[in-house]
Amino acid sequence: MIANELKEKVEAALAEIRPFLQSDGGDISLVSIDNGTSVKVRLEGNCVGCSINQMTLKSGVEMTIKKFAPQIEEVINIA
């Protein structure tokens, strides 16, 4: 898959989950996509200090990204 196409799919996934994060005063941004299998994101706002952000990252963000781009193997939060 072309890198731009993969980036568009990941951005589309983030756009789908962003309203939920923003409703809690947070946000998320794409940092990088490495080797076409690993996505690095940065949780922002209230998500930074939130005690459940790892659960949000795995169950919400990672699941949504994998729905849009199944070849992604992991999603990592860069603090």
N, C-alpha and C. Protein backbone atom coordinates (compact mmCIF):
# COMPACT_ATOMS: atom_id res chain seq x y z
N MET A 1 0.85 -1.19 0.00
CA MET A 1 0.00 0.00 0.00
C MET A 1 0.89 1.25 0.00
N ILE A 2 0.48 2.21 -0.75
CA ILE A 2 1.22 3.48 -0.83
C ILE A 2 1.14 4.19 0.52
N ALA A 3 2.25 4.78 0.93
CA ALA A 3 2.32 5.43 2.25
C ALA A 3 1.24 6.49 2.42
N ASN A 4 0.97 7.28 1.40
CA ASN A 4 -0.06 8.32 1.50
C ASN A 4 -1.44 7.72 1.73
N GLU A 5 -1.69 6.61 1.06
CA GLU A 5 -2.99 5.94 1.22
C GLU A 5 -3.15 5.42 2.64
N LEU A 6 -2.10 4.84 3.19
CA LEU A 6 -2.13 4.36 4.57
C LEU A 6 -2.33 5.52 5.54
N LYS A 7 -1.62 6.61 5.31
CA LYS A 7 -1.76 7.79 6.17
C LYS A 7 -3.19 8.31 6.13
N GLU A 8 -3.79 8.35 4.94
CA GLU A 8 -5.18 8.80 4.83
C GLU A 8 -6.12 7.90 5.62
N LYS A 9 -5.89 6.60 5.59
CA LYS A 9 -6.74 5.66 6.33
C LYS A 9 -6.59 5.87 7.84
N VAL A 10 -5.35 6.07 8.29
CA VAL A 10 -5.12 6.30 9.72
C VAL A 10 -5.74 7.62 10.15
N GLU A 11 -5.59 8.65 9.33
CA GLU A 11 -6.20 9.95 9.64
C GLU A 11 -7.72 9.84 9.69
N ALA A 12 -8.30 9.04 8.80
CA ALA A 12 -9.75 8.84 8.80
C ALA A 12 -10.20 8.15 10.08
N ALA A 13 -9.40 7.19 10.55
CA ALA A 13 -9.70 6.50 11.81
C ALA A 13 -9.64 7.48 12.97
N LEU A 14 -8.61 8.33 12.99
CA LEU A 14 -8.48 9.32 14.06
C LEU A 14 -9.63 10.31 14.01
N ALA A 15 -10.06 10.69 12.81
CA ALA A 15 -11.18 11.62 12.67
C ALA A 15 -12.47 11.02 13.25
N GLU A 16 -12.59 9.69 13.14
CA GLU A 16 -13.78 9.02 13.68
C GLU A 16 -13.79 9.03 15.21
N ILE A 17 -12.63 8.88 15.81
CA ILE A 17 -12.57 8.79 17.27
C ILE A 17 -12.38 10.17 17.94
N ARG A 18 -11.88 11.13 17.19
CA ARG A 18 -11.57 12.47 17.73
C ARG A 18 -12.75 13.13 18.48
N PRO A 19 -13.99 13.08 17.94
CA PRO A 19 -15.10 13.74 18.67
C PRO A 19 -15.31 13.19 20.08
N PHE A 20 -15.06 11.89 20.28
CA PHE A 20 -15.21 11.30 21.62
C PHE A 20 -14.14 11.84 22.56
N LEU A 21 -12.91 11.97 22.06
CA LEU A 21 -11.82 12.50 22.87
C LEU A 21 -12.06 13.98 23.17
N GLN A 22 -12.52 14.72 22.16
CA GLN A 22 -12.75 16.15 22.34
C GLN A 22 -13.89 16.43 23.31
N SER A 23 -14.86 15.52 23.37
CA SER A 23 -15.97 15.71 24.31
C SER A 23 -15.50 15.63 25.75
N ASP A 24 -14.34 14.99 25.97
CA ASP A 24 -13.74 14.92 27.31
C ASP A 24 -12.60 15.92 27.47
N GLY A 25 -12.47 16.85 26.52
CA GLY A 25 -11.43 17.88 26.63
C GLY A 25 -10.07 17.43 26.13
N GLY A 26 -10.04 16.34 25.36
CA GLY A 26 -8.77 15.83 24.84
C GLY A 26 -8.72 15.88 23.33
N ASP A 27 -7.68 15.31 22.79
CA ASP A 27 -7.53 15.22 21.34
C ASP A 27 -6.42 14.21 21.05
N ILE A 28 -6.18 13.97 19.78
CA ILE A 28 -5.15 13.03 19.36
C ILE A 28 -4.57 13.50 18.04
N SER A 29 -3.27 13.29 17.86
CA SER A 29 -2.65 13.64 16.59
C SER A 29 -1.72 12.51 16.16
N LEU A 30 -1.59 12.36 14.85
CA LEU A 30 -0.71 11.35 14.28
C LEU A 30 0.72 11.88 14.31
N VAL A 31 1.63 11.08 14.86
CA VAL A 31 3.04 11.45 14.91
C VAL A 31 3.77 10.82 13.73
N SER A 32 3.62 9.50 13.56
CA SER A 32 4.28 8.83 12.44
C SER A 32 3.69 7.46 12.22
N ILE A 33 4.00 6.92 11.04
CA ILE A 33 3.69 5.53 10.71
C ILE A 33 5.02 4.90 10.34
N ASP A 34 5.42 3.87 11.09
CA ASP A 34 6.72 3.25 10.88
C ASP A 34 6.57 1.86 10.27
N ASN A 35 7.30 1.60 9.22
CA ASN A 35 7.33 0.29 8.54
C ASN A 35 5.96 -0.18 8.07
N GLY A 36 5.00 0.73 7.98
CA GLY A 36 3.66 0.36 7.52
C GLY A 36 2.88 -0.51 8.49
N THR A 37 3.42 -0.70 9.70
CA THR A 37 2.73 -1.57 10.67
C THR A 37 2.57 -0.95 12.05
N SER A 38 3.28 0.12 12.33
CA SER A 38 3.28 0.72 13.66
C SER A 38 2.89 2.20 13.56
N VAL A 39 1.88 2.58 14.32
CA VAL A 39 1.40 3.97 14.32
C VAL A 39 1.77 4.61 15.65
N LYS A 40 2.37 5.78 15.57
CA LYS A 40 2.65 6.56 16.77
C LYS A 40 1.72 7.76 16.80
N VAL A 41 1.04 7.91 17.94
CA VAL A 41 0.11 9.02 18.12
C VAL A 41 0.48 9.78 19.38
N ARG A 42 -0.07 10.97 19.50
CA ARG A 42 0.12 11.75 20.72
C ARG A 42 -1.25 12.13 21.26
N LEU A 43 -1.56 11.65 22.46
CA LEU A 43 -2.78 12.06 23.13
C LEU A 43 -2.55 13.46 23.69
N GLU A 44 -3.56 14.31 23.60
CA GLU A 44 -3.42 15.72 23.97
C GLU A 44 -4.53 16.16 24.92
N GLY A 45 -4.34 17.33 25.50
CA GLY A 45 -5.36 17.91 26.38
C GLY A 45 -5.59 17.05 27.60
N ASN A 46 -6.86 16.87 27.97
CA ASN A 46 -7.20 16.08 29.15
C ASN A 46 -6.78 14.62 29.03
N CYS A 47 -6.55 14.14 27.82
CA CYS A 47 -6.14 12.74 27.63
C CYS A 47 -4.74 12.48 28.19
N VAL A 48 -3.92 13.53 28.30
CA VAL A 48 -2.54 13.35 28.75
C VAL A 48 -2.49 12.81 30.17
N GLY A 49 -3.22 13.40 31.08
CA GLY A 49 -3.17 12.97 32.47
C GLY A 49 -4.24 11.98 32.87
N CYS A 50 -5.03 11.54 31.91
CA CYS A 50 -6.16 10.67 32.22
C CYS A 50 -5.70 9.27 32.60
N SER A 51 -6.27 8.76 33.66
CA SER A 51 -5.85 7.44 34.16
C SER A 51 -6.31 6.30 33.26
N ILE A 52 -7.28 6.55 32.41
CA ILE A 52 -7.74 5.46 31.54
C ILE A 52 -7.26 5.63 30.10
N ASN A 53 -6.24 6.49 29.88
CA ASN A 53 -5.82 6.72 28.50
C ASN A 53 -5.24 5.49 27.83
N GLN A 54 -4.60 4.58 28.57
CA GLN A 54 -4.09 3.35 27.95
C GLN A 54 -5.24 2.46 27.48
N MET A 55 -6.32 2.42 28.26
CA MET A 55 -7.49 1.66 27.84
C MET A 55 -8.11 2.31 26.60
N THR A 56 -8.21 3.64 26.61
CA THR A 56 -8.74 4.36 25.46
C THR A 56 -7.88 4.09 24.24
N LEU A 57 -6.57 4.12 24.43
CA LEU A 57 -5.64 3.90 23.33
C LEU A 57 -5.84 2.51 22.73
N LYS A 58 -5.90 1.48 23.56
CA LYS A 58 -6.00 0.11 23.06
C LYS A 58 -7.40 -0.22 22.54
N SER A 59 -8.41 0.06 23.35
CA SER A 59 -9.75 -0.40 22.97
C SER A 59 -10.41 0.54 21.96
N GLY A 60 -10.09 1.81 22.03
CA GLY A 60 -10.72 2.75 21.11
C GLY A 60 -9.87 3.08 19.90
N VAL A 61 -8.74 3.68 20.14
CA VAL A 61 -7.90 4.17 19.05
C VAL A 61 -7.34 3.03 18.22
N GLU A 62 -6.68 2.06 18.87
CA GLU A 62 -6.06 0.97 18.12
C GLU A 62 -7.11 0.16 17.36
N MET A 63 -8.23 -0.12 17.99
CA MET A 63 -9.28 -0.89 17.33
C MET A 63 -9.82 -0.15 16.11
N THR A 64 -10.01 1.15 16.24
CA THR A 64 -10.54 1.95 15.13
C THR A 64 -9.52 2.03 13.99
N ILE A 65 -8.25 2.25 14.32
CA ILE A 65 -7.22 2.30 13.28
C ILE A 65 -7.14 0.96 12.54
N LYS A 66 -7.18 -0.14 13.28
CA LYS A 66 -7.10 -1.46 12.65
C LYS A 66 -8.31 -1.75 11.77
N LYS A 67 -9.46 -1.15 12.11
CA LYS A 67 -10.66 -1.31 11.29
C LYS A 67 -10.42 -0.64 9.92
N PHE A 68 -9.79 0.53 9.93
CA PHE A 68 -9.52 1.26 8.70
C PHE A 68 -8.29 0.72 7.96
N ALA A 69 -7.30 0.26 8.71
CA ALA A 69 -6.03 -0.21 8.13
C ALA A 69 -5.60 -1.49 8.85
N PRO A 70 -6.12 -2.64 8.43
CA PRO A 70 -5.86 -3.91 9.13
C PRO A 70 -4.38 -4.31 9.23
N GLN A 71 -3.53 -3.78 8.38
CA GLN A 71 -2.11 -4.15 8.43
C GLN A 71 -1.37 -3.51 9.61
N ILE A 72 -2.01 -2.56 10.29
CA ILE A 72 -1.38 -1.94 11.46
C ILE A 72 -1.36 -2.96 12.59
N GLU A 73 -0.18 -3.16 13.18
CA GLU A 73 -0.02 -4.15 14.25
C GLU A 73 -0.04 -3.54 15.63
N GLU A 74 0.40 -2.28 15.75
CA GLU A 74 0.42 -1.65 17.07
C GLU A 74 0.24 -0.15 16.97
N VAL A 75 -0.32 0.40 18.04
CA VAL A 75 -0.48 1.84 18.16
C VAL A 75 0.21 2.24 19.46
N ILE A 76 1.13 3.20 19.36
CA ILE A 76 1.93 3.62 20.49
C ILE A 76 1.65 5.09 20.78
N ASN A 77 1.44 5.42 22.05
CA ASN A 77 1.27 6.82 22.45
C ASN A 77 2.64 7.40 22.78
N ILE A 78 2.98 8.50 22.13
CA ILE A 78 4.22 9.21 22.39
C ILE A 78 3.88 10.37 23.32
N ALA A 79 4.42 10.35 24.51
CA ALA A 79 4.09 11.39 25.49
C ALA A 79 4.77 12.70 25.15
